[in-house]
Amino acid sequence: MDINSIRKIFDIYDGVMKWNELVENNITVRIIENLINQRYVEKMKFGYYQWIDNPIFSEPILINKLFPDAIICMESALQYYKYTDRTPSAWNIAVDKNSSKSRFRIEHPIVKPYYIPSEQMSFGVDLIEIENVKLKIFNRERTIIDCLRRENKMDAEVFNKAIQAYIKDPRKNIPRLMDYAKRLRIEYKVRRMIGIWL
């Protein structure tokens, strides 16, 4: 199998292939080792390989491939909703609290995982597109609730701007916000911090 043929196979998978996908396409261990030695391919983490100079490479593709179970949250969600003008230093992703921590020890893209009980992963989730890649994200209300729950761990300016931006957002949904607040047991804080502005 020549380099161009293998490159075309990688392109089908957006430049990132899992081990089982390599096997299905008859790309053997020996072939992969040669490609790595020739600097065509790099091992991203266990079981994942990336074509190095792939022109369609993008971080959303990698997030989707490496962490299909993850949900964009916190500062990354705030940025998507334009509730902050700061670009997070890492992709903030919510994952099941039972996820293996070693999954997230990668050099690129940089991720900041938030380990959440599985029952809290099941509500407030929307599907969006970033750079033509479908990703899961917590909706506006769930994002604000999570920020309120983690206020002490957030930058004060980011937190305050996010709350004010949500209050001014015509697309906010206060009944949904209060439903999430009840589920996550922070009704009092929500009424105290947001109720006064409504």
Protein backbone atom coordinates (compact mmCIF):
# COMPACT_ATOMS: atom_id res chain seq x y z
CA MET A 1 0.00 0.00 0.00
CA ASP A 2 1.58 3.32 -1.08
CA ILE A 3 1.66 6.60 0.86
CA ASN A 4 -0.99 8.33 -1.26
CA SER A 5 -3.44 5.45 -0.82
CA ILE A 6 -2.97 5.51 2.96
CA ARG A 7 -3.29 9.30 2.98
CA LYS A 8 -6.64 9.04 1.19
CA ILE A 9 -7.86 6.54 3.80
CA PHE A 10 -6.85 8.92 6.60
CA ASP A 11 -8.67 11.75 4.80
CA ILE A 12 -11.90 9.74 4.92
CA TYR A 13 -11.56 9.77 8.74
CA ASP A 14 -10.75 13.51 8.89
CA GLY A 15 -7.06 12.76 9.39
CA VAL A 16 -7.50 10.86 12.67
CA MET A 17 -7.92 7.08 12.82
CA LYS A 18 -8.59 4.71 15.69
CA TRP A 19 -6.76 1.39 15.84
CA ASN A 20 -9.84 -0.64 14.84
CA GLU A 21 -10.32 1.64 11.80
CA LEU A 22 -6.72 0.99 10.74
CA VAL A 23 -7.30 -2.77 11.05
CA GLU A 24 -10.53 -2.55 9.01
CA ASN A 25 -8.56 -0.80 6.26
CA ASN A 26 -5.71 -3.33 6.29
CA ILE A 27 -3.19 -0.83 7.67
CA THR A 28 -0.96 -3.07 9.76
CA VAL A 29 1.24 -2.36 12.78
CA ARG A 30 4.28 -2.52 10.52
CA ILE A 31 2.83 0.03 8.09
CA ILE A 32 1.93 2.40 10.95
CA GLU A 33 5.39 2.07 12.50
CA ASN A 34 6.97 2.95 9.14
CA LEU A 35 4.66 5.95 8.72
CA ILE A 36 5.56 7.18 12.22
CA ASN A 37 9.29 6.74 11.52
CA GLN A 38 8.92 8.67 8.26
CA ARG A 39 6.98 11.45 10.09
CA TYR A 40 3.77 11.03 8.10
CA VAL A 41 1.78 9.89 11.12
CA GLU A 42 1.97 10.51 14.85
CA LYS A 43 0.47 8.57 17.72
CA MET A 44 -1.78 10.96 19.60
CA LYS A 45 -2.57 8.62 22.47
CA PHE A 46 -3.18 4.92 22.90
CA GLY A 47 -5.16 3.65 19.91
CA TYR A 48 -5.35 6.99 18.02
CA TYR A 49 -3.19 8.07 15.09
CA GLN A 50 -3.11 11.36 13.19
CA TRP A 51 -1.83 12.23 9.72
CA ILE A 52 0.58 15.07 10.55
CA ASP A 53 0.08 17.52 7.69
CA ASN A 54 -3.61 16.94 7.20
CA PRO A 55 -5.05 20.15 5.66
CA ILE A 56 -8.50 19.55 7.16
CA PHE A 57 -7.13 19.17 10.69
CA SER A 58 -9.10 21.07 13.31
CA GLU A 59 -9.46 20.93 17.08
CA PRO A 60 -13.23 20.28 16.96
CA ILE A 61 -12.56 17.19 14.82
CA LEU A 62 -10.04 15.95 17.38
CA ILE A 63 -12.38 16.63 20.31
CA ASN A 64 -15.16 14.75 18.53
CA LYS A 65 -12.88 11.80 17.66
CA LEU A 66 -11.03 11.51 20.97
CA PHE A 67 -13.89 12.29 23.34
CA PRO A 68 -17.22 11.44 21.67
CA ASP A 69 -18.86 11.18 25.10
CA ALA A 70 -17.76 14.67 26.22
CA ILE A 71 -19.99 17.74 26.54
CA ILE A 72 -18.59 21.25 26.07
CA CYS A 73 -19.07 23.17 29.30
CA MET A 74 -17.98 26.06 31.51
CA GLU A 75 -15.68 28.65 29.85
CA SER A 76 -15.79 26.93 26.45
CA ALA A 77 -19.61 27.04 26.51
CA LEU A 78 -19.52 30.66 27.74
CA GLN A 79 -17.37 31.56 24.77
CA TYR A 80 -19.74 29.80 22.34
CA TYR A 81 -22.73 31.70 23.74
CA LYS A 82 -20.70 34.95 23.66
CA TYR A 83 -21.00 35.32 27.43
CA THR A 84 -17.25 35.92 27.64
CA ASP A 85 -14.72 37.52 25.33
CA ARG A 86 -11.87 35.44 26.73
CA THR A 87 -10.62 32.43 24.82
CA PRO A 88 -10.15 29.53 27.24
CA SER A 89 -6.64 28.08 27.43
CA ALA A 90 -8.15 24.59 27.11
CA TRP A 91 -11.31 22.89 25.87
CA ASN A 92 -13.57 22.63 28.93
CA ILE A 93 -15.41 19.32 28.67
CA ALA A 94 -17.79 17.52 31.00
CA VAL A 95 -17.21 13.77 31.24
CA ASP A 96 -18.57 10.98 33.38
CA LYS A 97 -16.90 10.93 36.78
CA ASN A 98 -15.92 7.29 36.18
CA SER A 99 -13.87 8.19 33.08
CA SER A 100 -10.23 7.18 33.14
CA LYS A 101 -8.11 10.26 33.87
CA SER A 102 -5.34 9.01 31.58
CA ARG A 103 -7.62 9.63 28.57
CA PHE A 104 -7.09 13.35 28.95
CA ARG A 105 -3.30 13.38 29.20
CA ILE A 106 -2.62 14.52 25.68
CA GLU A 107 -0.53 17.38 24.33
CA HIS A 108 -3.02 18.52 21.73
CA PRO A 109 -5.71 19.63 21.89
CA ILE A 110 -5.41 20.79 25.50
CA VAL A 111 -8.48 19.72 27.47
CA LYS A 112 -9.73 20.49 30.94
CA PRO A 113 -12.11 17.73 32.05
CA TYR A 114 -14.86 18.23 34.60
CA TYR A 115 -15.84 14.91 36.16
CA ILE A 116 -19.61 14.80 36.62
CA PRO A 117 -21.98 12.12 37.98
CA SER A 118 -23.61 10.27 35.09
CA GLU A 119 -27.13 11.37 36.08
CA GLN A 120 -26.02 15.01 35.69
CA MET A 121 -24.78 14.35 32.14
CA SER A 122 -28.26 13.58 30.88
CA PHE A 123 -29.97 16.98 30.88
CA GLY A 124 -29.36 20.42 29.43
CA VAL A 125 -27.45 19.06 26.43
CA ASP A 126 -27.70 20.52 22.92
CA LEU A 127 -26.03 19.57 19.66
CA ILE A 128 -24.14 22.31 17.81
CA GLU A 129 -21.77 22.65 14.87
CA ILE A 130 -18.32 24.18 15.15
CA GLU A 131 -16.30 24.20 11.92
CA ASN A 132 -18.83 21.74 10.43
CA VAL A 133 -18.28 19.28 13.29
CA LYS A 134 -21.21 18.22 15.48
CA LEU A 135 -20.42 18.54 19.19
CA LYS A 136 -22.48 18.25 22.38
CA ILE A 137 -22.69 21.33 24.58
CA PHE A 138 -24.56 22.27 27.73
CA ASN A 139 -27.27 24.78 26.89
CA ARG A 140 -27.31 28.36 28.22
CA GLU A 141 -29.20 27.56 31.40
CA ARG A 142 -27.13 24.53 32.31
CA THR A 143 -23.93 26.48 31.65
CA ILE A 144 -25.01 29.31 33.96
CA ILE A 145 -26.07 26.85 36.67
CA ASP A 146 -22.67 25.13 36.47
CA CYS A 147 -20.93 28.51 36.73
CA LEU A 148 -22.97 29.37 39.83
CA ARG A 149 -22.04 26.01 41.35
CA ARG A 150 -18.34 26.65 40.70
CA GLU A 151 -18.24 30.39 41.34
CA ASN A 152 -15.34 30.13 43.81
CA LYS A 153 -13.18 28.33 41.22
CA MET A 154 -13.81 30.82 38.42
CA ASP A 155 -12.15 34.11 37.57
CA ALA A 156 -14.40 36.76 39.16
CA GLU A 157 -14.51 38.95 36.05
CA VAL A 158 -15.41 36.02 33.77
CA PHE A 159 -18.10 34.90 36.22
CA ASN A 160 -19.71 38.35 36.61
CA LYS A 161 -19.71 39.09 32.88
CA ALA A 162 -21.25 35.70 32.15
CA ILE A 163 -24.10 36.24 34.61
CA GLN A 164 -24.81 39.74 33.26
CA ALA A 165 -24.66 38.52 29.66
CA TYR A 166 -27.15 35.75 30.42
CA ILE A 167 -29.53 38.17 32.13
CA LYS A 168 -29.48 40.43 29.04
CA ASP A 169 -29.83 37.51 26.60
CA PRO A 170 -33.30 37.55 24.97
CA ARG A 171 -32.98 33.78 24.42
CA LYS A 172 -32.70 32.98 28.13
CA ASN A 173 -35.24 30.57 29.58
CA ILE A 174 -35.86 31.30 33.26
CA PRO A 175 -38.29 28.39 33.91
CA ARG A 176 -35.67 25.99 32.56
CA LEU A 177 -32.97 27.72 34.64
CA MET A 178 -35.04 27.21 37.78
CA ASP A 179 -35.75 23.58 36.87
CA TYR A 180 -32.00 22.90 36.61
CA ALA A 181 -31.39 24.85 39.81
CA LYS A 182 -33.88 22.61 41.60
CA ARG A 183 -32.33 19.42 40.19
CA LEU A 184 -28.86 20.54 41.25
CA ARG A 185 -30.02 22.00 44.56
CA ILE A 186 -28.96 25.61 44.17
CA GLU A 187 -32.36 27.31 43.94
CA TYR A 188 -31.56 29.75 46.74
CA LYS A 189 -28.35 30.94 45.10
CA VAL A 190 -30.03 31.36 41.72
CA ARG A 191 -32.87 33.43 43.24
CA ARG A 192 -30.38 35.53 45.19
CA MET A 193 -27.95 36.19 42.33
CA ILE A 194 -30.21 36.27 39.27
CA GLY A 195 -33.70 36.87 40.64
CA ILE A 196 -32.91 40.46 41.63
CA TRP A 197 -32.17 41.34 37.99
CA LEU A 198 -35.36 39.92 36.52
